[in-house]
């Protein structure tokens, strides 16, 4: 898959959390979120922890574990508040990126646009 740029918005990094505390983002600012999401897209640890918690880990669709070692995450802080604009450049499909975002920050993000990288 060709690389895409996903343009997201997060209203408040300090309150953006996923449902499972063991996998959820724990930071309060854009740089920490950038590092957490970048690691989740490039490294298998977050997916493997989630998969291990499933009722039948072997039945989990292996494609959800795809990685992009070249994924980049940039955060531009909002002018007001504690959120920011996030640009993710990755060759991973939207479903994988959305799944990792859900684990990290739940539904506390909005997809603004997607463009070819």
C-alpha atoms as a PDB file:
ATOM      1  CA  UNK A   1       0.000   0.000   0.000  1.00  0.00           C
ATOM      2  CA  UNK A   2       1.256   3.486  -0.823  1.00  0.00           C
ATOM      3  CA  UNK A   3       1.899   5.855   2.045  1.00  0.00           C
ATOM      4  CA  UNK A   4      -0.929   8.139   3.104  1.00  0.00           C
ATOM      5  CA  UNK A   5      -1.070  11.228   5.278  1.00  0.00           C
ATOM      6  CA  UNK A   6      -3.830  11.199   7.851  1.00  0.00           C
ATOM      7  CA  UNK A   7      -4.745  14.574   9.304  1.00  0.00           C
ATOM      8  CA  UNK A   8      -6.271  14.225  12.767  1.00  0.00           C
ATOM      9  CA  UNK A   9      -7.295  16.500  15.575  1.00  0.00           C
ATOM     10  CA  UNK A  10      -7.120  15.709  19.285  1.00  0.00           C
ATOM     11  CA  UNK A  11      -8.935  18.185  21.521  1.00  0.00           C
ATOM     12  CA  UNK A  12      -7.093  17.471  24.764  1.00  0.00           C
ATOM     13  CA  UNK A  13      -4.131  15.124  25.087  1.00  0.00           C
ATOM     14  CA  UNK A  14      -4.339  15.141  28.873  1.00  0.00           C
ATOM     15  CA  UNK A  15      -7.798  13.548  28.844  1.00  0.00           C
ATOM     16  CA  UNK A  16      -7.484  11.418  25.682  1.00  0.00           C
ATOM     17  CA  UNK A  17      -7.493   7.842  26.933  1.00  0.00           C
ATOM     18  CA  UNK A  18      -8.421   4.429  25.626  1.00  0.00           C
ATOM     19  CA  UNK A  19     -10.806   2.114  27.475  1.00  0.00           C
ATOM     20  CA  UNK A  20      -8.097  -0.270  28.740  1.00  0.00           C
ATOM     21  CA  UNK A  21      -5.654   1.455  31.130  1.00  0.00           C
ATOM     22  CA  UNK A  22      -2.973  -1.132  30.345  1.00  0.00           C
ATOM     23  CA  UNK A  23      -2.855  -0.013  26.723  1.00  0.00           C
ATOM     24  CA  UNK A  24      -4.006   3.574  27.000  1.00  0.00           C
ATOM     25  CA  UNK A  25      -1.956   6.691  26.343  1.00  0.00           C
ATOM     26  CA  UNK A  26      -0.676   8.024  29.660  1.00  0.00           C
ATOM     27  CA  UNK A  27       0.780  11.386  28.648  1.00  0.00           C
ATOM     28  CA  UNK A  28      -0.598  14.891  28.665  1.00  0.00           C
ATOM     29  CA  UNK A  29       0.984  16.609  25.679  1.00  0.00           C
ATOM     30  CA  UNK A  30       1.568  16.318  21.955  1.00  0.00           C
ATOM     31  CA  UNK A  31       5.192  15.127  22.031  1.00  0.00           C
ATOM     32  CA  UNK A  32       4.318  12.197  24.311  1.00  0.00           C
ATOM     33  CA  UNK A  33       1.371  11.281  22.094  1.00  0.00           C
ATOM     34  CA  UNK A  34       3.534  11.497  18.978  1.00  0.00           C
ATOM     35  CA  UNK A  35       6.023   9.082  20.547  1.00  0.00           C
ATOM     36  CA  UNK A  36       3.294   6.677  21.737  1.00  0.00           C
ATOM     37  CA  UNK A  37       1.447   6.529  18.414  1.00  0.00           C
ATOM     38  CA  UNK A  38       4.688   6.294  16.450  1.00  0.00           C
ATOM     39  CA  UNK A  39       5.778   3.322  18.550  1.00  0.00           C
ATOM     40  CA  UNK A  40       2.341   1.698  18.176  1.00  0.00           C
ATOM     41  CA  UNK A  41       2.590   1.924  14.378  1.00  0.00           C
ATOM     42  CA  UNK A  42       6.251   0.846  14.103  1.00  0.00           C
ATOM     43  CA  UNK A  43       6.597  -1.742  16.886  1.00  0.00           C
ATOM     44  CA  UNK A  44       4.526  -4.838  17.780  1.00  0.00           C
ATOM     45  CA  UNK A  45       4.260  -4.360  21.585  1.00  0.00           C
ATOM     46  CA  UNK A  46       0.852  -2.625  21.803  1.00  0.00           C
ATOM     47  CA  UNK A  47      -0.811  -5.003  19.337  1.00  0.00           C
ATOM     48  CA  UNK A  48       0.684  -8.038  21.055  1.00  0.00           C
ATOM     49  CA  UNK A  49      -0.579  -6.917  24.489  1.00  0.00           C
ATOM     50  CA  UNK A  50      -4.064  -6.335  23.052  1.00  0.00           C
ATOM     51  CA  UNK A  51      -4.067  -9.650  21.186  1.00  0.00           C
ATOM     52  CA  UNK A  52      -3.026 -11.566  24.320  1.00  0.00           C
ATOM     53  CA  UNK A  53      -6.080 -10.181  26.143  1.00  0.00           C
ATOM     54  CA  UNK A  54      -8.545 -11.454  23.563  1.00  0.00           C
ATOM     55  CA  UNK A  55     -10.687 -14.497  24.302  1.00  0.00           C
ATOM     56  CA  UNK A  56      -9.068 -16.434  21.443  1.00  0.00           C
ATOM     57  CA  UNK A  57      -5.794 -14.703  20.524  1.00  0.00           C
ATOM     58  CA  UNK A  58      -5.178 -17.147  17.677  1.00  0.00           C
ATOM     59  CA  UNK A  59      -8.452 -16.093  16.039  1.00  0.00           C
ATOM     60  CA  UNK A  60      -7.415 -12.414  15.826  1.00  0.00           C
ATOM     61  CA  UNK A  61      -7.028 -11.224  12.252  1.00  0.00           C
ATOM     62  CA  UNK A  62      -3.259 -11.144  11.717  1.00  0.00           C
ATOM     63  CA  UNK A  63      -3.569  -8.145   9.384  1.00  0.00           C
ATOM     64  CA  UNK A  64      -4.395  -5.972  12.427  1.00  0.00           C
ATOM     65  CA  UNK A  65      -0.819  -6.571  13.582  1.00  0.00           C
ATOM     66  CA  UNK A  66       0.744  -4.983  10.502  1.00  0.00           C
ATOM     67  CA  UNK A  67       3.631  -2.607  11.152  1.00  0.00           C
ATOM     68  CA  UNK A  68       5.190   0.308   9.294  1.00  0.00           C
ATOM     69  CA  UNK A  69       8.798   0.857  10.368  1.00  0.00           C
ATOM     70  CA  UNK A  70       8.766   4.162   8.454  1.00  0.00           C
ATOM     71  CA  UNK A  71       5.612   5.600  10.075  1.00  0.00           C
ATOM     72  CA  UNK A  72       5.940   9.226  11.178  1.00  0.00           C
ATOM     73  CA  UNK A  73       3.749  11.155  13.600  1.00  0.00           C
ATOM     74  CA  UNK A  74       3.902  14.935  13.895  1.00  0.00           C
ATOM     75  CA  UNK A  75       1.903  17.041  16.330  1.00  0.00           C
ATOM     76  CA  UNK A  76       1.288  20.762  16.046  1.00  0.00           C
ATOM     77  CA  UNK A  77      -0.035  22.128  19.344  1.00  0.00           C
ATOM     78  CA  UNK A  78      -3.355  23.941  19.228  1.00  0.00           C
ATOM     79  CA  UNK A  79      -3.220  27.701  19.709  1.00  0.00           C
ATOM     80  CA  UNK A  80      -5.591  27.362  22.613  1.00  0.00           C
ATOM     81  CA  UNK A  81      -6.345  24.414  24.860  1.00  0.00           C
ATOM     82  CA  UNK A  82      -4.353  21.241  25.350  1.00  0.00           C
ATOM     83  CA  UNK A  83      -4.903  19.506  22.028  1.00  0.00           C
ATOM     84  CA  UNK A  84      -3.320  19.628  18.640  1.00  0.00           C
ATOM     85  CA  UNK A  85      -3.308  18.721  15.002  1.00  0.00           C
ATOM     86  CA  UNK A  86      -1.719  15.369  14.252  1.00  0.00           C
ATOM     87  CA  UNK A  87      -0.269  14.304  10.900  1.00  0.00           C
ATOM     88  CA  UNK A  88       0.423  10.598  10.517  1.00  0.00           C
ATOM     89  CA  UNK A  89       2.355   9.423   7.477  1.00  0.00           C
ATOM     90  CA  UNK A  90       2.127   5.667   7.054  1.00  0.00           C
ATOM     91  CA  UNK A  91       1.593   2.862   4.584  1.00  0.00           C
ATOM     92  CA  UNK A  92      -0.686   1.085   7.064  1.00  0.00           C
ATOM     93  CA  UNK A  93      -4.374   0.849   6.133  1.00  0.00           C
ATOM     94  CA  UNK A  94      -6.875   3.091   7.878  1.00  0.00           C
ATOM     95  CA  UNK A  95      -8.341   0.134   9.795  1.00  0.00           C
ATOM     96  CA  UNK A  96      -4.981  -0.629  11.450  1.00  0.00           C
ATOM     97  CA  UNK A  97      -4.232   2.991  12.290  1.00  0.00           C
ATOM     98  CA  UNK A  98      -7.753   3.489  13.640  1.00  0.00           C
ATOM     99  CA  UNK A  99      -7.437   0.364  15.803  1.00  0.00           C
ATOM    100  CA  UNK A 100      -4.154   1.571  17.348  1.00  0.00           C
ATOM    101  CA  UNK A 101      -5.605   5.046  17.935  1.00  0.00           C
ATOM    102  CA  UNK A 102      -8.598   3.432  19.615  1.00  0.00           C
ATOM    103  CA  UNK A 103      -6.367   1.460  21.954  1.00  0.00           C
ATOM    104  CA  UNK A 104      -4.347   4.546  22.848  1.00  0.00           C
ATOM    105  CA  UNK A 105      -6.944   7.320  23.046  1.00  0.00           C
ATOM    106  CA  UNK A 106     -10.343   5.767  22.405  1.00  0.00           C
ATOM    107  CA  UNK A 107     -12.625   8.000  20.352  1.00  0.00           C
ATOM    108  CA  UNK A 108     -10.844  11.185  21.391  1.00  0.00           C
ATOM    109  CA  UNK A 109      -9.691  12.010  17.869  1.00  0.00           C
ATOM    110  CA  UNK A 110     -11.248  13.315  14.674  1.00  0.00           C
ATOM    111  CA  UNK A 111     -10.082  12.436  11.176  1.00  0.00           C
ATOM    112  CA  UNK A 112      -9.949  15.665   9.145  1.00  0.00           C
ATOM    113  CA  UNK A 113      -8.467  14.504   5.850  1.00  0.00           C
ATOM    114  CA  UNK A 114      -6.449  11.811   4.085  1.00  0.00           C
ATOM    115  CA  UNK A 115      -4.029  12.499   1.231  1.00  0.00           C
ATOM    116  CA  UNK A 116      -1.363  10.606  -0.651  1.00  0.00           C
ATOM    117  CA  UNK A 117       2.060  11.084   0.901  1.00  0.00           C
END
